[in-house]
């Protein structure tokens, strides 16, 4: 009985007490108002969501995907050209 009385009388640890006002506030993620590709206004009835981005319609998404593929291709070509350039200088 003595142990139960001590446990009831002892204060609870501070970690168990809920903190008020110090917690992080969750921000609600809102979708953008304009299309990433065409900068058209996005309306709820016809918005198109792919790859974590919002577009006005499917055609805008396809154009954006095509442009992104071209950017990646150009970056790879530039990296390959940069890799070849030092090799040519060493042989010359």
PDB file of N, CA and C in Angstrom:
ATOM      1  N   UNK A   1       0.807  -1.198   0.000  1.00  0.00           N
ATOM      2  CA  UNK A   1       0.000   0.000   0.000  1.00  0.00           C
ATOM      3  C   UNK A   1       0.850   1.261   0.000  1.00  0.00           C
ATOM      4  N   UNK A   2       1.948   1.190   0.634  1.00  0.00           N
ATOM      5  CA  UNK A   2       2.819   2.341   0.737  1.00  0.00           C
ATOM      6  C   UNK A   2       3.341   2.756  -0.636  1.00  0.00           C
ATOM      7  N   UNK A   3       3.636   1.795  -1.505  1.00  0.00           N
ATOM      8  CA  UNK A   3       4.141   2.090  -2.846  1.00  0.00           C
ATOM      9  C   UNK A   3       3.062   2.777  -3.674  1.00  0.00           C
ATOM     10  N   UNK A   4       1.846   2.341  -3.539  1.00  0.00           N
ATOM     11  CA  UNK A   4       0.740   2.939  -4.295  1.00  0.00           C
ATOM     12  C   UNK A   4       0.496   4.377  -3.853  1.00  0.00           C
ATOM     13  N   UNK A   5       0.625   4.638  -2.576  1.00  0.00           N
ATOM     14  CA  UNK A   5       0.417   5.986  -2.068  1.00  0.00           C
ATOM     15  C   UNK A   5       1.509   6.921  -2.566  1.00  0.00           C
ATOM     16  N   UNK A   6       2.756   6.424  -2.618  1.00  0.00           N
ATOM     17  CA  UNK A   6       3.855   7.243  -3.109  1.00  0.00           C
ATOM     18  C   UNK A   6       3.710   7.537  -4.597  1.00  0.00           C
ATOM     19  N   UNK A   7       3.266   6.545  -5.370  1.00  0.00           N
ATOM     20  CA  UNK A   7       3.093   6.730  -6.808  1.00  0.00           C
ATOM     21  C   UNK A   7       1.990   7.735  -7.093  1.00  0.00           C
ATOM     22  N   UNK A   8       0.935   7.699  -6.313  1.00  0.00           N
ATOM     23  CA  UNK A   8      -0.163   8.636  -6.513  1.00  0.00           C
ATOM     24  C   UNK A   8       0.227  10.042  -6.080  1.00  0.00           C
ATOM     25  N   UNK A   9       1.060  10.162  -5.051  1.00  0.00           N
ATOM     26  CA  UNK A   9       1.434  11.466  -4.521  1.00  0.00           C
ATOM     27  C   UNK A   9       2.552  12.121  -5.326  1.00  0.00           C
ATOM     28  N   UNK A  10       3.379  11.309  -6.017  1.00  0.00           N
ATOM     29  CA  UNK A  10       4.507  11.888  -6.749  1.00  0.00           C
ATOM     30  C   UNK A  10       4.012  12.634  -7.986  1.00  0.00           C
ATOM     31  N   UNK A  11       4.658  13.746  -8.312  1.00  0.00           N
ATOM     32  CA  UNK A  11       4.244  14.495  -9.497  1.00  0.00           C
ATOM     33  C   UNK A  11       4.605  13.739 -10.778  1.00  0.00           C
ATOM     34  N   UNK A  12       3.790  13.931 -11.788  1.00  0.00           N
ATOM     35  CA  UNK A  12       4.045  13.274 -13.076  1.00  0.00           C
ATOM     36  C   UNK A  12       5.190  13.977 -13.781  1.00  0.00           C
ATOM     37  N   UNK A  13       5.956  13.265 -14.587  1.00  0.00           N
ATOM     38  CA  UNK A  13       7.058  13.909 -15.306  1.00  0.00           C
ATOM     39  C   UNK A  13       6.550  14.974 -16.275  1.00  0.00           C
ATOM     40  N   UNK A  14       7.390  15.963 -16.520  1.00  0.00           N
ATOM     41  CA  UNK A  14       7.003  17.079 -17.386  1.00  0.00           C
ATOM     42  C   UNK A  14       6.805  16.632 -18.827  1.00  0.00           C
ATOM     43  N   UNK A  15       7.490  15.565 -19.247  1.00  0.00           N
ATOM     44  CA  UNK A  15       7.377  15.104 -20.623  1.00  0.00           C
ATOM     45  C   UNK A  15       5.987  14.554 -20.918  1.00  0.00           C
ATOM     46  N   UNK A  16       5.304  14.051 -19.896  1.00  0.00           N
ATOM     47  CA  UNK A  16       3.982  13.488 -20.103  1.00  0.00           C
ATOM     48  C   UNK A  16       2.923  14.576 -20.228  1.00  0.00           C
ATOM     49  N   UNK A  17       3.210  15.757 -19.708  1.00  0.00           N
ATOM     50  CA  UNK A  17       2.241  16.843 -19.777  1.00  0.00           C
ATOM     51  C   UNK A  17       2.188  17.393 -21.197  1.00  0.00           C
ATOM     52  N   UNK A  18       0.997  17.612 -21.725  1.00  0.00           N
ATOM     53  CA  UNK A  18       0.906  18.154 -23.084  1.00  0.00           C
ATOM     54  C   UNK A  18       1.353  19.607 -23.128  1.00  0.00           C
ATOM     55  N   UNK A  19       2.102  19.924 -24.161  1.00  0.00           N
ATOM     56  CA  UNK A  19       2.568  21.293 -24.333  1.00  0.00           C
ATOM     57  C   UNK A  19       1.495  22.088 -25.059  1.00  0.00           C
ATOM     58  N   UNK A  20       1.266  23.291 -24.608  1.00  0.00           N
ATOM     59  CA  UNK A  20       0.244  24.115 -25.230  1.00  0.00           C
ATOM     60  C   UNK A  20       0.894  25.314 -25.891  1.00  0.00           C
ATOM     61  N   UNK A  21       0.584  25.519 -27.143  1.00  0.00           N
ATOM     62  CA  UNK A  21       1.061  26.693 -27.849  1.00  0.00           C
ATOM     63  C   UNK A  21       2.479  26.604 -28.382  1.00  0.00           C
ATOM     64  N   UNK A  22       3.203  25.534 -28.115  1.00  0.00           N
ATOM     65  CA  UNK A  22       4.573  25.444 -28.586  1.00  0.00           C
ATOM     66  C   UNK A  22       4.721  24.470 -29.744  1.00  0.00           C
ATOM     67  N   UNK A  23       3.673  23.748 -30.091  1.00  0.00           N
ATOM     68  CA  UNK A  23       3.743  22.772 -31.169  1.00  0.00           C
ATOM     69  C   UNK A  23       3.777  23.439 -32.529  1.00  0.00           C
ATOM     70  N   UNK A  24       4.218  22.697 -33.528  1.00  0.00           N
ATOM     71  CA  UNK A  24       4.265  23.227 -34.883  1.00  0.00           C
ATOM     72  C   UNK A  24       2.863  23.270 -35.473  1.00  0.00           C
ATOM     73  N   UNK A  25       2.593  24.306 -36.218  1.00  0.00           N
ATOM     74  CA  UNK A  25       1.308  24.448 -36.867  1.00  0.00           C
ATOM     75  C   UNK A  25       1.416  23.862 -38.269  1.00  0.00           C
ATOM     76  N   UNK A  26       0.517  22.976 -38.614  1.00  0.00           N
ATOM     77  CA  UNK A  26       0.547  22.372 -39.945  1.00  0.00           C
ATOM     78  C   UNK A  26      -0.050  23.343 -40.943  1.00  0.00           C
ATOM     79  N   UNK A  27       0.697  23.567 -42.018  1.00  0.00           N
ATOM     80  CA  UNK A  27       0.193  24.424 -43.080  1.00  0.00           C
ATOM     81  C   UNK A  27      -0.610  23.584 -44.048  1.00  0.00           C
ATOM     82  N   UNK A  28      -1.721  24.107 -44.465  1.00  0.00           N
ATOM     83  CA  UNK A  28      -2.523  23.422 -45.466  1.00  0.00           C
ATOM     84  C   UNK A  28      -1.917  23.712 -46.826  1.00  0.00           C
ATOM     85  N   UNK A  29      -1.599  22.660 -47.551  1.00  0.00           N
ATOM     86  CA  UNK A  29      -1.023  22.857 -48.877  1.00  0.00           C
ATOM     87  C   UNK A  29      -2.143  23.254 -49.826  1.00  0.00           C
ATOM     88  N   UNK A  30      -1.948  24.354 -50.494  1.00  0.00           N
ATOM     89  CA  UNK A  30      -2.954  24.794 -51.447  1.00  0.00           C
ATOM     90  C   UNK A  30      -2.408  24.626 -52.851  1.00  0.00           C
ATOM     91  N   UNK A  31      -3.288  24.333 -53.753  1.00  0.00           N
ATOM     92  CA  UNK A  31      -2.837  24.165 -55.122  1.00  0.00           C
ATOM     93  C   UNK A  31      -2.665  25.540 -55.755  1.00  0.00           C
ATOM     94  N   UNK A  32      -1.755  25.647 -56.708  1.00  0.00           N
ATOM     95  CA  UNK A  32      -1.513  26.945 -57.349  1.00  0.00           C
ATOM     96  C   UNK A  32      -2.720  27.391 -58.162  1.00  0.00           C
ATOM     97  N   UNK A  33      -2.785  28.679 -58.431  1.00  0.00           N
ATOM     98  CA  UNK A  33      -3.925  29.213 -59.173  1.00  0.00           C
ATOM     99  C   UNK A  33      -3.683  29.203 -60.675  1.00  0.00           C
ATOM    100  N   UNK A  34      -2.415  29.087 -61.090  1.00  0.00           N
ATOM    101  CA  UNK A  34      -2.101  29.128 -62.517  1.00  0.00           C
ATOM    102  C   UNK A  34      -1.387  27.856 -62.947  1.00  0.00           C
ATOM    103  N   UNK A  35      -1.564  27.515 -64.216  1.00  0.00           N
ATOM    104  CA  UNK A  35      -0.942  26.342 -64.811  1.00  0.00           C
ATOM    105  C   UNK A  35       0.570  26.545 -64.888  1.00  0.00           C
ATOM    106  N   UNK A  36       1.310  25.483 -64.646  1.00  0.00           N
ATOM    107  CA  UNK A  36       2.767  25.541 -64.692  1.00  0.00           C
ATOM    108  C   UNK A  36       3.274  25.796 -66.108  1.00  0.00           C
ATOM    109  N   UNK A  37       2.612  25.242 -67.100  1.00  0.00           N
ATOM    110  CA  UNK A  37       3.035  25.340 -68.491  1.00  0.00           C
ATOM    111  C   UNK A  37       2.533  26.620 -69.159  1.00  0.00           C
ATOM    112  N   UNK A  38       1.231  26.804 -69.161  1.00  0.00           N
ATOM    113  CA  UNK A  38       0.647  27.884 -69.953  1.00  0.00           C
ATOM    114  C   UNK A  38       0.310  29.129 -69.143  1.00  0.00           C
ATOM    115  N   UNK A  39       0.413  29.043 -67.819  1.00  0.00           N
ATOM    116  CA  UNK A  39       0.079  30.137 -66.917  1.00  0.00           C
ATOM    117  C   UNK A  39      -1.400  30.527 -66.999  1.00  0.00           C
ATOM    118  N   UNK A  40      -2.236  29.610 -67.490  1.00  0.00           N
ATOM    119  CA  UNK A  40      -3.677  29.843 -67.504  1.00  0.00           C
ATOM    120  C   UNK A  40      -4.231  29.658 -66.093  1.00  0.00           C
ATOM    121  N   UNK A  41      -5.348  30.258 -65.832  1.00  0.00           N
ATOM    122  CA  UNK A  41      -6.015  30.082 -64.543  1.00  0.00           C
ATOM    123  C   UNK A  41      -6.533  28.646 -64.439  1.00  0.00           C
ATOM    124  N   UNK A  42      -6.279  27.997 -63.310  1.00  0.00           N
ATOM    125  CA  UNK A  42      -6.738  26.624 -63.118  1.00  0.00           C
ATOM    126  C   UNK A  42      -8.093  26.663 -62.426  1.00  0.00           C
ATOM    127  N   UNK A  43      -9.081  26.072 -63.065  1.00  0.00           N
ATOM    128  CA  UNK A  43     -10.410  25.972 -62.472  1.00  0.00           C
ATOM    129  C   UNK A  43     -10.590  24.568 -61.907  1.00  0.00           C
ATOM    130  N   UNK A  44     -11.335  24.439 -60.842  1.00  0.00           N
ATOM    131  CA  UNK A  44     -11.508  23.164 -60.159  1.00  0.00           C
ATOM    132  C   UNK A  44     -12.093  22.105 -61.084  1.00  0.00           C
ATOM    133  N   UNK A  45     -12.984  22.486 -61.966  1.00  0.00           N
ATOM    134  CA  UNK A  45     -13.655  21.462 -62.766  1.00  0.00           C
ATOM    135  C   UNK A  45     -12.758  20.864 -63.849  1.00  0.00           C
ATOM    136  N   UNK A  46     -11.675  21.525 -64.208  1.00  0.00           N
ATOM    137  CA  UNK A  46     -10.843  20.967 -65.275  1.00  0.00           C
ATOM    138  C   UNK A  46      -9.345  20.962 -64.969  1.00  0.00           C
ATOM    139  N   UNK A  47      -8.954  21.024 -63.706  1.00  0.00           N
ATOM    140  CA  UNK A  47      -7.523  20.966 -63.411  1.00  0.00           C
ATOM    141  C   UNK A  47      -6.990  19.562 -63.599  1.00  0.00           C
ATOM    142  N   UNK A  48      -5.697  19.476 -63.896  1.00  0.00           N
ATOM    143  CA  UNK A  48      -5.044  18.212 -64.209  1.00  0.00           C
ATOM    144  C   UNK A  48      -3.799  18.105 -63.344  1.00  0.00           C
ATOM    145  N   UNK A  49      -3.689  17.057 -62.542  1.00  0.00           N
ATOM    146  CA  UNK A  49      -2.594  16.895 -61.585  1.00  0.00           C
ATOM    147  C   UNK A  49      -1.746  15.698 -61.979  1.00  0.00           C
ATOM    148  N   UNK A  50      -0.467  15.949 -62.261  1.00  0.00           N
ATOM    149  CA  UNK A  50       0.469  14.867 -62.570  1.00  0.00           C
ATOM    150  C   UNK A  50       1.848  15.247 -62.049  1.00  0.00           C
ATOM    151  N   UNK A  51       2.605  14.260 -61.612  1.00  0.00           N
ATOM    152  CA  UNK A  51       3.987  14.431 -61.152  1.00  0.00           C
ATOM    153  C   UNK A  51       4.125  15.501 -60.071  1.00  0.00           C
ATOM    154  N   UNK A  52       3.114  15.636 -59.222  1.00  0.00           N
ATOM    155  CA  UNK A  52       3.183  16.598 -58.125  1.00  0.00           C
ATOM    156  C   UNK A  52       2.968  18.037 -58.546  1.00  0.00           C
ATOM    157  N   UNK A  53       2.465  18.246 -59.739  1.00  0.00           N
ATOM    158  CA  UNK A  53       2.250  19.599 -60.249  1.00  0.00           C
ATOM    159  C   UNK A  53       0.843  19.705 -60.836  1.00  0.00           C
ATOM    160  N   UNK A  54       0.324  20.925 -60.885  1.00  0.00           N
ATOM    161  CA  UNK A  54      -1.014  21.174 -61.403  1.00  0.00           C
ATOM    162  C   UNK A  54      -0.928  21.838 -62.768  1.00  0.00           C
ATOM    163  N   UNK A  55      -1.782  21.385 -63.676  1.00  0.00           N
ATOM    164  CA  UNK A  55      -1.833  21.921 -65.033  1.00  0.00           C
ATOM    165  C   UNK A  55      -3.277  22.260 -65.382  1.00  0.00           C
ATOM    166  N   UNK A  56      -3.456  23.116 -66.388  1.00  0.00           N
ATOM    167  CA  UNK A  56      -4.795  23.514 -66.797  1.00  0.00           C
ATOM    168  C   UNK A  56      -5.524  22.359 -67.472  1.00  0.00           C
ATOM    169  N   UNK A  57      -4.803  21.540 -68.233  1.00  0.00           N
ATOM    170  CA  UNK A  57      -5.430  20.393 -68.899  1.00  0.00           C
ATOM    171  C   UNK A  57      -4.344  19.384 -69.285  1.00  0.00           C
ATOM    172  N   UNK A  58      -4.755  18.300 -69.898  1.00  0.00           N
ATOM    173  CA  UNK A  58      -3.827  17.230 -70.245  1.00  0.00           C
ATOM    174  C   UNK A  58      -2.824  17.677 -71.305  1.00  0.00           C
ATOM    175  N   UNK A  59      -3.265  18.504 -72.227  1.00  0.00           N
ATOM    176  CA  UNK A  59      -2.372  18.977 -73.282  1.00  0.00           C
ATOM    177  C   UNK A  59      -1.224  19.805 -72.687  1.00  0.00           C
ATOM    178  N   UNK A  60      -1.522  20.644 -71.719  1.00  0.00           N
ATOM    179  CA  UNK A  60      -0.479  21.433 -71.069  1.00  0.00           C
ATOM    180  C   UNK A  60       0.524  20.523 -70.382  1.00  0.00           C
ATOM    181  N   UNK A  61       0.034  19.462 -69.754  1.00  0.00           N
ATOM    182  CA  UNK A  61       0.939  18.517 -69.103  1.00  0.00           C
ATOM    183  C   UNK A  61       1.844  17.852 -70.129  1.00  0.00           C
ATOM    184  N   UNK A  62       1.273  17.440 -71.259  1.00  0.00           N
ATOM    185  CA  UNK A  62       2.075  16.762 -72.278  1.00  0.00           C
ATOM    186  C   UNK A  62       3.138  17.688 -72.851  1.00  0.00           C
ATOM    187  N   UNK A  63       2.799  18.954 -73.074  1.00  0.00           N
ATOM    188  CA  UNK A  63       3.783  19.926 -73.557  1.00  0.00           C
ATOM    189  C   UNK A  63       4.891  20.131 -72.526  1.00  0.00           C
ATOM    190  N   UNK A  64       4.511  20.227 -71.258  1.00  0.00           N
ATOM    191  CA  UNK A  64       5.494  20.393 -70.191  1.00  0.00           C
ATOM    192  C   UNK A  64       6.422  19.184 -70.113  1.00  0.00           C
ATOM    193  N   UNK A  65       5.854  17.982 -70.211  1.00  0.00           N
ATOM    194  CA  UNK A  65       6.660  16.763 -70.142  1.00  0.00           C
ATOM    195  C   UNK A  65       7.644  16.705 -71.308  1.00  0.00           C
ATOM    196  N   UNK A  66       7.194  17.127 -72.479  1.00  0.00           N
ATOM    197  CA  UNK A  66       8.061  17.135 -73.657  1.00  0.00           C
ATOM    198  C   UNK A  66       9.217  18.118 -73.464  1.00  0.00           C
ATOM    199  N   UNK A  67       8.920  19.300 -72.925  1.00  0.00           N
ATOM    200  CA  UNK A  67       9.966  20.294 -72.685  1.00  0.00           C
ATOM    201  C   UNK A  67      10.957  19.809 -71.630  1.00  0.00           C
ATOM    202  N   UNK A  68      10.460  19.163 -70.588  1.00  0.00           N
ATOM    203  CA  UNK A  68      11.346  18.641 -69.548  1.00  0.00           C
ATOM    204  C   UNK A  68      12.267  17.564 -70.116  1.00  0.00           C
ATOM    205  N   UNK A  69      11.741  16.701 -71.002  1.00  0.00           N
ATOM    206  CA  UNK A  69      12.558  15.665 -71.620  1.00  0.00           C
ATOM    207  C   UNK A  69      13.658  16.285 -72.473  1.00  0.00           C
ATOM    208  N   UNK A  70      13.327  17.364 -73.187  1.00  0.00           N
ATOM    209  CA  UNK A  70      14.323  18.053 -74.005  1.00  0.00           C
ATOM    210  C   UNK A  70      15.405  18.688 -73.127  1.00  0.00           C
ATOM    211  N   UNK A  71      15.010  19.260 -71.983  1.00  0.00           N
ATOM    212  CA  UNK A  71      15.985  19.857 -71.067  1.00  0.00           C
ATOM    213  C   UNK A  71      16.954  18.801 -70.548  1.00  0.00           C
ATOM    214  N   UNK A  72      16.413  17.644 -70.194  1.00  0.00           N
ATOM    215  CA  UNK A  72      17.253  16.561 -69.680  1.00  0.00           C
ATOM    216  C   UNK A  72      18.215  16.090 -70.755  1.00  0.00           C
ATOM    217  N   UNK A  73      17.720  15.972 -71.995  1.00  0.00           N
ATOM    218  CA  UNK A  73      18.556  15.523 -73.100  1.00  0.00           C
ATOM    219  C   UNK A  73      19.700  16.508 -73.347  1.00  0.00           C
ATOM    220  N   UNK A  74      19.389  17.810 -73.334  1.00  0.00           N
ATOM    221  CA  UNK A  74      20.420  18.830 -73.535  1.00  0.00           C
ATOM    222  C   UNK A  74      21.447  18.807 -72.411  1.00  0.00           C
ATOM    223  N   UNK A  75      20.990  18.607 -71.192  1.00  0.00           N
ATOM    224  CA  UNK A  75      21.909  18.550 -70.054  1.00  0.00           C
ATOM    225  C   UNK A  75      22.837  17.344 -70.170  1.00  0.00           C
ATOM    226  N   UNK A  76      22.319  16.222 -70.631  1.00  0.00           N
ATOM    227  CA  UNK A  76      23.143  15.029 -70.809  1.00  0.00           C
ATOM    228  C   UNK A  76      24.164  15.242 -71.920  1.00  0.00           C
ATOM    229  N   UNK A  77      23.741  15.888 -73.009  1.00  0.00           N
ATOM    230  CA  UNK A  77      24.665  16.164 -74.107  1.00  0.00           C
ATOM    231  C   UNK A  77      25.770  17.116 -73.652  1.00  0.00           C
ATOM    232  N   UNK A  78      25.398  18.120 -72.859  1.00  0.00           N
ATOM    233  CA  UNK A  78      26.394  19.072 -72.377  1.00  0.00           C
ATOM    234  C   UNK A  78      27.377  18.379 -71.428  1.00  0.00           C
ATOM    235  N   UNK A  79      26.887  17.484 -70.609  1.00  0.00           N
ATOM    236  CA  UNK A  79      27.760  16.755 -69.690  1.00  0.00           C
ATOM    237  C   UNK A  79      28.700  15.840 -70.462  1.00  0.00           C
ATOM    238  N   UNK A  80      28.184  15.201 -71.515  1.00  0.00           N
ATOM    239  CA  UNK A  80      29.023  14.327 -72.330  1.00  0.00           C
ATOM    240  C   UNK A  80      30.093  15.142 -73.054  1.00  0.00           C
ATOM    241  N   UNK A  81      29.727  16.306 -73.562  1.00  0.00           N
ATOM    242  CA  UNK A  81      30.685  17.167 -74.253  1.00  0.00           C
ATOM    243  C   UNK A  81      31.754  17.666 -73.280  1.00  0.00           C
ATOM    244  N   UNK A  82      31.344  17.981 -72.067  1.00  0.00           N
ATOM    245  CA  UNK A  82      32.303  18.445 -71.072  1.00  0.00           C
ATOM    246  C   UNK A  82      33.242  17.322 -70.658  1.00  0.00           C
ATOM    247  N   UNK A  83      32.753  16.106 -70.638  1.00  0.00           N
ATOM    248  CA  UNK A  83      33.586  14.972 -70.276  1.00  0.00           C
ATOM    249  C   UNK A  83      34.597  14.653 -71.385  1.00  0.00           C
ATOM    250  N   UNK A  84      34.226  14.857 -72.625  1.00  0.00           N
ATOM    251  CA  UNK A  84      35.115  14.593 -73.755  1.00  0.00           C
ATOM    252  C   UNK A  84      36.179  15.676 -73.906  1.00  0.00           C
ATOM    253  N   UNK A  85      35.852  16.881 -73.562  1.00  0.00           N
ATOM    254  CA  UNK A  85      36.751  18.010 -73.777  1.00  0.00           C
ATOM    255  C   UNK A  85      38.081  17.843 -73.024  1.00  0.00           C
ATOM    256  N   UNK A  86      38.082  17.526 -71.734  1.00  0.00           N
ATOM    257  CA  UNK A  86      39.379  17.338 -71.056  1.00  0.00           C
ATOM    258  C   UNK A  86      40.167  16.153 -71.627  1.00  0.00           C
ATOM    259  N   UNK A  87      39.479  15.122 -72.077  1.00  0.00           N
ATOM    260  CA  UNK A  87      40.173  13.964 -72.655  1.00  0.00           C
ATOM    261  C   UNK A  87      40.889  14.367 -73.947  1.00  0.00           C
ATOM    262  N   UNK A  88      40.273  15.236 -74.734  1.00  0.00           N
ATOM    263  CA  UNK A  88      40.897  15.693 -75.985  1.00  0.00           C
ATOM    264  C   UNK A  88      42.116  16.556 -75.690  1.00  0.00           C
ATOM    265  N   UNK A  89      42.044  17.390 -74.641  1.00  0.00           N
ATOM    266  CA  UNK A  89      43.163  18.275 -74.310  1.00  0.00           C
ATOM    267  C   UNK A  89      44.371  17.489 -73.834  1.00  0.00           C
ATOM    268  N   UNK A  90      44.149  16.382 -73.127  1.00  0.00           N
ATOM    269  CA  UNK A  90      45.267  15.566 -72.654  1.00  0.00           C
ATOM    270  C   UNK A  90      45.992  14.872 -73.789  1.00  0.00           C
ATOM    271  N   UNK A  91      45.247  14.453 -74.806  1.00  0.00           N
ATOM    272  CA  UNK A  91      45.860  13.766 -75.939  1.00  0.00           C
ATOM    273  C   UNK A  91      46.541  14.719 -76.879  1.00  0.00           C
ATOM    274  N   UNK A  92      46.157  15.942 -76.933  1.00  0.00           N
ATOM    275  CA  UNK A  92      46.723  16.909 -77.861  1.00  0.00           C
ATOM    276  C   UNK A  92      48.022  17.483 -77.396  1.00  0.00           C
TER     277      UNK A  92
END
